[in-house]
Amino acid sequence: DRSRGLGDVYKRQIKGGFMVPENYYDVTRWPVGNPYQDIGEVINSIIADIKSQQTETDINDGGKPGAAIFIPPGDYHLTTQVLIDISYLKIMGAGHGFVSSSIRFNTPADEWANLHDLWPGGSRILVDLCPQDGDEEHAGAAFYVKRSGAPRISSVAFENFCIDGLHFVDDGLGNNDPENTYTNGKTGIYIASAQDAFRITGMGFIYLEHGLTAYNSDAMAIHNNFIAECGNCIELRGAGQASKITDNLIGAGYKGYSIYAQNFGGLLISTNNIFPRGASSVHLSGVVRSCVTSNRFHSFYPGMLIMENNCAENLISANHFLRDREPWPPMQAYDNGRDDTYGLLYIEGSNNSIIANHISETLDVQYLKPRGIKPIVIRLVAGKGNYLANNHIVATTEASAAQAQPSEEDACFAAQVSALLTTDRLKALDAVAVLVEKSSAQNTILDSGSDSQVLMDRAVNAFRATPVPGTI
């Protein structure tokens, strides 16, 4: 009797002698649509059913408990955007399914037959949306979260499935291969409304121009995800507070952000491992009283950490920064457009603490941009009252030596691991450890470079040099 509602039909199903939980849905067992052809239609139908079943806001101190939607392992095309406008919803899968599409697309097609795995797996959503130039920003999003009114939408969780943008496209900039443009207009999750207590955990995002974009976030947790080979990985826009980005594996493309946060207070960015190729590892704009601690950052370009628009009273501590050159030939033609005078750490703001970081720059002098300059490691551009102390800066250049060429199937992995592990041919690189621009004053620089490595006006800034062994 369909007049009783699809939820009534669904929750009367029996599995193994047990009643299916009332607010638990399996996309493969839902009677509307075909999830393998368009999981968007199916999930939208389920959300409509949840709303029809949960209409009362106050029944015995409850009313709208929400629901869980399960996506079993498999490939599910999405041609209809999912609109989420209810709280307390969990969409969950059984595996983030990540595998490198960049390696596949940069491997000759006639060798694909020898690969064990060709596409991402797990609980995988294939985003078949086709956004066009001029569309609204959210048009290419697989999941679009928006609700007006009070209270804010709350406690929506995405857990343990893969969102795959499938392909990048020609960006009109003359790139040799469209699959290396990081451009396709697609977004994994787009959160347009102010929200509270969202959770994104255990997810895989791949080959999307934007992995996760969220506006006006409060108490959001982005934890233990694999977000890589996306144009941009995590973007917290508008404004926000009291959120965390922790324990993720992240790697954006050369055009975009690995982590971007705008007008945020109380943001914790901790224990992430951020891969190279992002235009920046962390880009903060107008962020205050936040922490970037105990992360491992790796970049092929300057501008690893950018703090702009008067970032203030932030703690940047106990991070490991490594900048070296792209070792994989298919990607060596690309960069983020910045030269080596920009600074690995670019600081614009006041009363920030940059303490006890390890910063390594390893670059053959022939690859410096422009040729012949001294690369700048930490650059204080504007602001006052910043405190830099006990940062260990290691600037080296590599003496060239012939290396064995790895086999094609492991070329990317082998090239990058070899570059990371090679230290025996390194020699000192003449670099500027800290540059304090004239527009920045009243800063304190302690033990973050020798007397000759720190450039600043010492009449308006405090300085203590790192002792040089063998000198008095």
Protein backbone atom coordinates (compact mmCIF):
# COMPACT_ATOMS: atom_id res chain seq x y z
CA ASP A 1 0.00 0.00 0.00
CA ARG A 2 2.12 2.91 -1.30
CA SER A 3 -0.36 5.41 0.12
CA ARG A 4 1.18 4.71 3.52
CA GLY A 5 4.48 6.20 2.32
CA LEU A 6 7.61 4.66 0.90
CA GLY A 7 9.12 4.59 4.37
CA ASP A 8 6.38 2.26 5.56
CA VAL A 9 7.06 -0.09 2.64
CA TYR A 10 10.79 0.00 3.30
CA LYS A 11 10.75 -0.55 7.03
CA ARG A 12 8.57 -3.64 6.67
CA GLN A 13 11.34 -5.43 4.81
CA ILE A 14 12.81 -8.35 6.75
CA LYS A 15 16.52 -9.14 6.61
CA GLY A 16 17.71 -12.34 8.22
CA GLY A 17 14.64 -12.46 10.45
CA PHE A 18 15.19 -8.92 11.77
CA MET A 19 13.17 -5.82 11.02
CA VAL A 20 15.11 -3.13 9.13
CA PRO A 21 15.62 -0.15 11.49
CA GLU A 22 13.03 2.53 10.91
CA ASN A 23 15.47 5.31 10.10
CA TYR A 24 18.09 3.28 8.25
CA TYR A 25 18.12 3.25 4.45
CA ASP A 26 20.15 1.21 1.96
CA VAL A 27 20.37 2.86 -1.47
CA THR A 28 20.38 -0.54 -3.20
CA ARG A 29 17.10 -1.58 -1.56
CA TRP A 30 15.13 1.63 -2.01
CA PRO A 31 12.14 1.25 -4.37
CA VAL A 32 12.60 4.56 -6.22
CA GLY A 33 15.24 4.95 -8.92
CA ASN A 34 18.32 2.93 -9.79
CA PRO A 35 21.33 3.85 -7.60
CA TYR A 36 23.84 2.47 -10.10
CA GLN A 37 22.49 4.77 -12.82
CA ASP A 38 21.69 7.84 -10.67
CA ILE A 39 22.29 7.64 -6.94
CA GLY A 40 21.35 11.32 -6.70
CA GLU A 41 17.72 10.56 -7.56
CA VAL A 42 17.68 7.75 -4.99
CA ILE A 43 19.13 9.78 -2.13
CA ASN A 44 16.84 12.73 -2.86
CA SER A 45 13.87 10.36 -2.71
CA ILE A 46 15.07 8.97 0.61
CA ILE A 47 15.49 12.47 2.05
CA ALA A 48 11.95 13.32 0.91
CA ASP A 49 10.71 10.21 2.72
CA ILE A 50 12.57 11.13 5.90
CA LYS A 51 10.92 14.55 5.82
CA SER A 52 7.48 13.02 5.25
CA GLN A 53 7.95 10.61 8.16
CA GLN A 54 9.44 13.15 10.57
CA THR A 55 7.09 16.14 10.59
CA GLU A 56 6.73 16.87 14.32
CA THR A 57 9.38 18.90 16.11
CA ASP A 58 8.44 17.99 19.68
CA ILE A 59 7.21 14.51 20.64
CA ASN A 60 8.26 13.34 24.11
CA ASP A 61 11.25 15.69 24.05
CA GLY A 62 12.16 14.52 20.55
CA GLY A 63 10.72 14.69 17.08
CA LYS A 64 13.12 14.62 14.16
CA PRO A 65 15.93 12.14 14.82
CA GLY A 66 17.12 12.11 11.21
CA ALA A 67 18.41 8.98 9.52
CA ALA A 68 21.36 7.02 8.16
CA ILE A 69 21.76 6.26 4.46
CA PHE A 70 24.09 3.38 3.59
CA ILE A 71 25.99 3.06 0.31
CA PRO A 72 27.36 -0.51 -0.08
CA PRO A 73 30.63 -1.07 -2.00
CA GLY A 74 30.07 -0.48 -5.69
CA ASP A 75 30.08 2.12 -8.45
CA TYR A 76 27.17 4.57 -8.41
CA HIS A 77 26.77 7.21 -11.10
CA LEU A 78 25.36 10.58 -10.04
CA THR A 79 23.54 12.67 -12.63
CA THR A 80 21.17 14.45 -10.21
CA GLN A 81 22.60 16.72 -7.54
CA VAL A 82 21.74 15.66 -3.98
CA LEU A 83 20.11 18.44 -1.96
CA ILE A 84 20.43 18.10 1.80
CA ASP A 85 18.16 20.33 3.88
CA ILE A 86 17.64 18.27 7.05
CA SER A 87 19.72 17.88 10.19
CA TYR A 88 20.94 14.66 11.83
CA LEU A 89 21.62 12.88 8.55
CA LYS A 90 24.51 10.48 8.05
CA ILE A 91 25.47 9.29 4.58
CA MET A 92 27.94 6.46 4.94
CA GLY A 93 29.73 3.88 2.86
CA ALA A 94 32.05 0.92 3.32
CA GLY A 95 35.37 2.24 2.03
CA HIS A 96 36.91 5.46 0.71
CA GLY A 97 38.27 3.59 -2.30
CA PHE A 98 41.09 5.98 -3.23
CA VAL A 99 43.63 5.08 -5.92
CA SER A 100 45.74 7.49 -7.94
CA SER A 101 44.04 8.61 -11.15
CA SER A 102 46.97 10.92 -11.92
CA ILE A 103 49.36 8.01 -12.16
CA ARG A 104 46.92 6.12 -14.39
CA PHE A 105 46.33 9.05 -16.75
CA ASN A 106 50.08 9.69 -17.00
CA THR A 107 50.76 6.05 -17.82
CA PRO A 108 50.56 5.11 -21.53
CA ALA A 109 47.09 3.71 -22.25
CA ASP A 110 48.53 0.60 -23.85
CA GLU A 111 49.97 -0.34 -20.45
CA TRP A 112 46.68 -0.05 -18.54
CA ALA A 113 45.91 -3.73 -19.13
CA ASN A 114 48.84 -4.58 -16.83
CA LEU A 115 47.48 -2.56 -13.90
CA HIS A 116 45.84 -4.46 -11.03
CA ASP A 117 43.39 -1.60 -10.39
CA LEU A 118 42.27 0.97 -12.91
CA TRP A 119 39.67 3.11 -11.10
CA PRO A 120 38.91 4.04 -7.49
CA GLY A 121 36.80 1.50 -5.62
CA GLY A 122 34.99 1.07 -2.30
CA SER A 123 31.64 2.83 -2.04
CA ARG A 124 32.25 5.09 -5.01
CA ILE A 125 30.10 7.89 -6.43
CA LEU A 126 30.96 8.85 -10.01
CA VAL A 127 30.06 12.49 -10.54
CA ASP A 128 28.52 12.77 -14.01
CA LEU A 129 27.29 16.34 -13.60
CA CYS A 130 28.27 18.69 -16.45
CA PRO A 131 28.53 22.25 -15.11
CA GLN A 132 28.83 24.97 -17.73
CA ASP A 133 30.62 28.31 -17.76
CA GLY A 134 28.42 30.88 -16.04
CA ASP A 135 26.67 28.36 -13.78
CA GLU A 136 26.38 29.16 -10.10
CA GLU A 137 29.29 28.02 -7.94
CA HIS A 138 27.39 25.07 -6.48
CA ALA A 139 26.10 23.72 -9.82
CA GLY A 140 28.78 21.06 -10.15
CA ALA A 141 28.47 19.75 -6.58
CA ALA A 142 27.52 16.13 -5.99
CA PHE A 143 26.15 17.05 -2.54
CA TYR A 144 24.63 20.51 -2.02
CA VAL A 145 23.73 21.45 1.55
CA LYS A 146 21.45 24.40 2.03
CA ARG A 147 18.71 25.37 4.50
CA SER A 148 17.50 28.79 5.61
CA GLY A 149 15.82 29.71 8.88
CA ALA A 150 16.58 28.80 12.47
CA PRO A 151 18.20 26.86 13.87
CA ARG A 152 21.12 26.30 11.55
CA ILE A 153 21.26 22.92 9.86
CA SER A 154 23.25 20.66 12.18
CA SER A 155 24.95 17.30 12.60
CA VAL A 156 25.15 16.15 9.00
CA ALA A 157 27.85 13.52 8.53
CA PHE A 158 29.60 12.15 5.44
CA GLU A 159 31.54 9.01 6.19
CA ASN A 160 33.63 6.40 4.45
CA PHE A 161 32.83 6.65 0.74
CA CYS A 162 34.54 8.00 -2.37
CA ILE A 163 33.48 10.94 -4.53
CA ASP A 164 35.20 10.73 -7.92
CA GLY A 165 35.13 13.57 -10.48
CA LEU A 166 36.43 11.08 -13.09
CA HIS A 167 38.24 13.42 -15.49
CA PHE A 168 39.67 16.89 -15.78
CA VAL A 169 39.12 18.91 -18.93
CA ASP A 170 40.97 21.30 -21.20
CA ASP A 171 41.31 24.64 -19.41
CA GLY A 172 42.26 26.60 -22.51
CA LEU A 173 45.71 27.42 -21.13
CA GLY A 174 47.63 25.17 -23.49
CA ASN A 175 48.37 22.35 -21.05
CA ASN A 176 49.83 19.30 -22.68
CA ASP A 177 47.25 16.95 -21.19
CA PRO A 178 43.69 17.87 -20.11
CA GLU A 179 43.91 15.27 -17.32
CA ASN A 180 46.56 17.43 -15.63
CA THR A 181 44.56 20.70 -15.58
CA TYR A 182 42.77 20.10 -12.23
CA THR A 183 39.76 21.81 -13.84
CA ASN A 184 36.27 20.39 -14.41
CA GLY A 185 33.84 22.53 -12.39
CA LYS A 186 32.93 19.62 -10.13
CA THR A 187 32.72 19.71 -6.32
CA GLY A 188 32.36 16.80 -3.94
CA ILE A 189 30.48 18.48 -1.06
CA TYR A 190 29.30 22.09 -1.16
CA ILE A 191 27.83 23.52 2.05
CA ALA A 192 26.18 26.86 1.33
CA SER A 193 24.35 27.50 4.61
CA ALA A 194 25.69 28.35 8.03
CA GLN A 195 25.89 25.06 9.86
CA ASP A 196 26.83 23.47 13.17
CA ALA A 197 28.63 20.26 14.13
CA PHE A 198 29.13 18.75 10.67
CA ARG A 199 31.41 15.72 10.34
CA ILE A 200 33.41 14.66 7.28
CA THR A 201 35.36 11.54 8.20
CA GLY A 202 37.04 8.66 6.40
CA MET A 203 36.11 10.04 2.98
CA GLY A 204 37.93 9.82 -0.34
CA PHE A 205 37.84 12.77 -2.75
CA ILE A 206 39.54 12.53 -6.14
CA TYR A 207 39.64 14.38 -9.47
CA LEU A 208 37.30 17.16 -8.38
CA GLU A 209 38.06 20.82 -8.98
CA HIS A 210 36.85 21.40 -5.42
CA GLY A 211 36.78 18.59 -2.87
CA LEU A 212 34.99 20.19 0.09
CA THR A 213 33.70 23.77 0.12
CA ALA A 214 31.90 25.03 3.24
CA TYR A 215 30.59 28.48 4.13
CA ASN A 216 30.14 29.79 7.67
CA SER A 217 31.13 26.69 9.60
CA ASP A 218 30.85 26.21 13.34
CA ALA A 219 32.30 23.19 15.18
CA MET A 220 33.06 21.31 11.97
CA ALA A 221 35.31 18.25 12.11
CA ILE A 222 37.21 17.26 8.97
CA HIS A 223 39.07 14.20 10.12
CA ASN A 224 40.95 11.21 8.69
CA ASN A 225 40.05 11.78 5.05
CA PHE A 226 42.02 11.12 1.86
CA ILE A 227 41.61 14.24 -0.31
CA ALA A 228 44.05 14.27 -3.18
CA GLU A 229 44.40 14.91 -6.90
CA CYS A 230 41.75 17.62 -6.58
CA GLY A 231 42.14 21.18 -7.84
CA ASN A 232 41.35 22.39 -4.32
CA CYS A 233 40.94 20.11 -1.31
CA ILE A 234 39.43 21.92 1.71
CA GLU A 235 37.98 25.43 1.53
CA LEU A 236 36.38 27.04 4.58
CA ARG A 237 34.85 30.23 3.24
CA GLY A 238 32.80 33.15 4.51
CA ALA A 239 33.58 32.99 8.21
CA GLY A 240 33.64 30.41 10.98
CA GLN A 241 34.79 29.30 14.39
CA ALA A 242 35.88 26.42 16.60
CA SER A 243 36.51 23.81 13.92
CA LYS A 244 39.24 21.31 13.21
CA ILE A 245 41.09 19.79 10.26
CA THR A 246 42.96 16.82 11.66
CA ASP A 247 44.72 13.61 10.63
CA ASN A 248 43.99 14.00 6.91
CA LEU A 249 46.04 13.01 3.89
CA ILE A 250 45.73 15.92 1.47
CA GLY A 251 47.18 16.99 -1.86
CA ALA A 252 45.79 19.65 -4.21
CA GLY A 253 46.89 20.63 -7.71
CA TYR A 254 49.27 23.41 -8.67
CA LYS A 255 46.42 25.91 -9.17
CA GLY A 256 44.61 25.49 -5.87
CA TYR A 257 44.50 25.18 -2.13
CA SER A 258 45.24 22.11 -0.06
CA ILE A 259 43.72 23.90 2.97
CA TYR A 260 42.13 27.34 2.76
CA ALA A 261 40.38 29.17 5.59
CA GLN A 262 38.81 32.63 5.52
CA ASN A 263 37.81 34.88 8.45
CA PHE A 264 38.07 32.04 10.95
CA GLY A 265 38.60 32.07 14.69
CA GLY A 266 39.58 29.07 16.75
CA LEU A 267 40.58 26.78 13.88
CA LEU A 268 42.77 23.78 14.66
CA ILE A 269 44.89 22.39 11.80
CA SER A 270 46.85 19.52 13.25
CA THR A 271 48.61 16.24 12.41
CA ASN A 272 47.84 16.40 8.70
CA ASN A 273 50.15 15.05 6.03
CA ILE A 274 49.94 17.42 3.08
CA PHE A 275 51.43 16.27 -0.20
CA PRO A 276 53.13 18.48 -2.80
CA ARG A 277 51.66 20.12 -5.93
CA GLY A 278 49.15 22.31 -4.14
CA ALA A 279 49.68 26.01 -4.88
CA SER A 280 49.88 26.27 -1.09
CA SER A 281 49.77 23.80 1.77
CA VAL A 282 47.84 26.13 4.09
CA HIS A 283 46.40 29.48 3.04
CA LEU A 284 44.86 31.59 5.80
CA SER A 285 43.00 34.84 5.11
CA GLY A 286 41.87 36.95 8.04
CA VAL A 287 42.27 33.99 10.40
CA VAL A 288 42.79 34.79 14.09
CA ARG A 289 43.58 32.94 17.31
CA SER A 290 44.01 29.60 15.59
CA CYS A 291 46.61 26.82 15.59
CA VAL A 292 48.65 25.14 12.85
CA THR A 293 50.60 22.52 14.78
CA SER A 294 52.34 19.18 14.31
CA ASN A 295 51.71 18.86 10.59
CA ARG A 296 53.98 17.53 7.88
CA PHE A 297 53.96 19.79 4.80
CA HIS A 298 55.66 19.01 1.50
CA SER A 299 55.63 21.34 -1.50
CA PHE A 300 57.29 21.75 -4.87
CA TYR A 301 56.72 25.52 -4.89
CA PRO A 302 57.17 28.65 -2.73
CA GLY A 303 54.22 29.87 -0.66
CA MET A 304 53.71 26.72 1.41
CA LEU A 305 52.10 28.66 4.28
CA ILE A 306 50.39 31.93 3.43
CA MET A 307 48.88 34.24 6.04
CA GLU A 308 47.24 37.33 4.59
CA ASN A 309 44.62 39.99 5.36
CA ASN A 310 45.88 40.64 8.88
CA CYS A 311 45.98 37.16 10.35
CA ALA A 312 46.52 37.72 14.07
CA GLU A 313 47.46 35.87 17.24
CA ASN A 314 47.91 32.50 15.57
CA LEU A 315 50.27 29.75 16.71
CA ILE A 316 52.36 28.04 14.02
CA SER A 317 54.41 25.43 15.84
CA ALA A 318 56.11 22.04 15.62
CA ASN A 319 55.46 21.63 11.91
CA HIS A 320 57.80 20.05 9.39
CA PHE A 321 58.06 21.98 6.11
CA LEU A 322 59.86 20.51 3.09
CA ARG A 323 60.23 22.27 -0.24
CA ASP A 324 62.02 20.54 -3.11
CA ARG A 325 61.62 20.18 -6.88
CA GLU A 326 59.02 18.06 -8.64
CA PRO A 327 60.85 14.80 -9.47
CA TRP A 328 58.21 13.19 -11.73
CA PRO A 329 58.72 14.18 -15.39
CA PRO A 330 55.03 14.39 -16.44
CA MET A 331 54.41 17.16 -13.87
CA GLN A 332 57.65 19.14 -14.09
CA ALA A 333 56.18 21.60 -16.58
CA TYR A 334 53.70 22.97 -14.01
CA ASP A 335 54.10 25.28 -11.02
CA ASN A 336 52.10 27.78 -8.97
CA GLY A 337 53.53 30.88 -10.64
CA ARG A 338 55.45 32.20 -7.61
CA ASP A 339 59.18 32.79 -7.57
CA ASP A 340 61.64 32.03 -4.81
CA THR A 341 61.62 35.54 -3.38
CA TYR A 342 57.99 35.05 -2.32
CA GLY A 343 58.98 33.00 0.74
CA LEU A 344 58.14 29.49 1.81
CA LEU A 345 56.25 31.05 4.72
CA TYR A 346 54.54 34.31 3.81
CA ILE A 347 53.30 36.20 6.87
CA GLU A 348 51.04 39.23 6.75
CA GLY A 349 49.57 39.99 10.16
CA SER A 350 50.30 40.79 13.76
CA ASN A 351 51.15 39.07 17.03
CA ASN A 352 51.55 35.64 15.50
CA SER A 353 53.88 33.04 17.04
CA ILE A 354 56.00 30.96 14.66
CA ILE A 355 57.86 28.68 17.02
CA ALA A 356 59.94 25.49 16.83
CA ASN A 357 59.26 24.54 13.23
CA HIS A 358 61.66 22.53 11.10
CA ILE A 359 61.93 23.99 7.60
CA SER A 360 63.90 22.27 4.84
CA GLU A 361 64.51 23.74 1.41
CA THR A 362 66.41 21.47 -0.96
CA LEU A 363 66.75 22.86 -4.45
CA ASP A 364 69.41 22.74 -7.13
CA VAL A 365 70.48 26.32 -7.89
CA GLN A 366 69.65 25.89 -11.59
CA TYR A 367 65.96 25.64 -10.68
CA LEU A 368 65.77 28.85 -8.64
CA LYS A 369 63.31 31.43 -10.00
CA PRO A 370 64.70 33.85 -11.03
CA ARG A 371 68.14 32.36 -11.56
CA GLY A 372 70.87 33.55 -9.23
CA ILE A 373 68.71 34.89 -6.39
CA LYS A 374 68.78 33.83 -2.77
CA PRO A 375 65.55 31.98 -1.89
CA ILE A 376 63.62 33.41 1.05
CA VAL A 377 62.38 30.96 3.67
CA ILE A 378 60.32 33.09 6.13
CA ARG A 379 59.07 36.45 4.89
CA LEU A 380 57.32 38.90 7.20
CA VAL A 381 55.49 41.17 4.80
CA ALA A 382 53.36 43.39 7.04
CA GLY A 383 52.10 43.69 10.60
CA LYS A 384 53.79 43.95 13.96
CA GLY A 385 54.47 42.07 17.15
CA ASN A 386 55.19 38.71 15.50
CA TYR A 387 57.35 36.29 17.48
CA LEU A 388 59.66 33.92 15.61
CA ALA A 389 61.75 31.64 17.77
CA ASN A 390 63.75 28.44 17.59
CA ASN A 391 62.92 27.61 13.99
CA HIS A 392 65.46 25.25 12.47
CA ILE A 393 66.01 26.17 8.83
CA VAL A 394 68.00 23.80 6.63
CA ALA A 395 68.72 25.15 3.14
CA THR A 396 70.61 22.80 0.84
CA THR A 397 71.33 22.20 -2.81
CA GLU A 398 71.87 18.86 -4.45
CA ALA A 399 75.01 17.91 -6.32
CA SER A 400 73.73 16.28 -9.50
CA ALA A 401 74.36 12.59 -10.06
CA ALA A 402 73.05 10.05 -12.53
CA GLN A 403 70.23 7.92 -11.21
CA ALA A 404 68.77 4.66 -12.41
CA GLN A 405 65.43 5.09 -14.11
CA PRO A 406 62.56 3.28 -12.37
CA SER A 407 60.21 1.04 -14.29
CA GLU A 408 57.16 2.79 -15.76
CA GLU A 409 54.61 1.26 -13.41
CA ASP A 410 56.32 2.58 -10.29
CA ALA A 411 57.93 5.70 -11.77
CA CYS A 412 55.94 8.28 -9.80
CA PHE A 413 56.27 6.50 -6.46
CA ALA A 414 59.94 5.66 -6.97
CA ALA A 415 60.89 9.15 -8.13
CA GLN A 416 59.24 10.84 -5.17
CA VAL A 417 60.54 8.40 -2.55
CA SER A 418 64.05 8.62 -3.98
CA ALA A 419 63.92 12.42 -3.82
CA LEU A 420 62.72 12.34 -0.22
CA LEU A 421 65.36 9.91 0.97
CA THR A 422 68.38 11.37 -0.82
CA THR A 423 70.48 13.38 1.63
CA ASP A 424 74.07 12.20 1.03
CA ARG A 425 74.72 14.55 -1.93
CA LEU A 426 73.44 17.71 -0.23
CA LYS A 427 75.51 20.82 0.39
CA ALA A 428 74.63 24.21 1.85
CA LEU A 429 72.45 26.56 -0.18
CA ASP A 430 72.90 30.30 0.33
CA ALA A 431 69.44 31.44 1.45
CA VAL A 432 67.68 34.15 3.44
CA ALA A 433 66.30 32.49 6.56
CA VAL A 434 64.12 35.45 7.59
CA LEU A 435 63.28 38.64 5.72
CA VAL A 436 61.36 41.35 7.57
CA GLU A 437 59.97 43.92 5.16
CA LYS A 438 59.98 47.63 6.04
CA SER A 439 56.19 47.54 6.41
CA SER A 440 56.56 45.10 9.32
CA ALA A 441 58.04 46.25 12.64
CA GLN A 442 58.25 45.53 16.37
CA ASN A 443 58.81 41.85 15.70
CA THR A 444 61.01 39.51 17.74
CA ILE A 445 63.27 37.08 15.86
CA LEU A 446 65.16 34.61 18.04
CA ASP A 447 67.39 31.69 17.02
CA SER A 448 65.86 31.35 13.56
CA GLY A 449 68.92 32.18 11.48
CA SER A 450 72.47 33.36 11.76
CA ASP A 451 73.43 37.02 11.72
CA SER A 452 74.01 36.95 7.95
CA GLN A 453 70.85 34.95 7.18
CA VAL A 454 68.34 37.38 8.71
CA LEU A 455 67.56 40.63 6.88
CA MET A 456 65.68 43.25 8.87
CA ASP A 457 65.79 46.74 10.31
CA ARG A 458 67.32 46.03 13.70
CA ALA A 459 66.41 49.46 14.99
CA VAL A 460 62.69 48.61 15.01
CA ASN A 461 62.80 44.81 15.51
CA ALA A 462 64.40 42.62 18.18
CA PHE A 463 66.91 40.00 17.05
CA ARG A 464 69.05 37.24 18.48
CA ALA A 465 71.10 35.24 16.01
CA THR A 466 71.44 31.49 15.95
CA PRO A 467 75.03 30.74 17.01
CA VAL A 468 77.29 29.49 14.21
CA PRO A 469 79.58 26.57 15.21
CA GLY A 470 83.25 27.51 15.23
CA THR A 471 82.70 31.22 15.81
CA ILE A 472 82.99 33.24 18.98
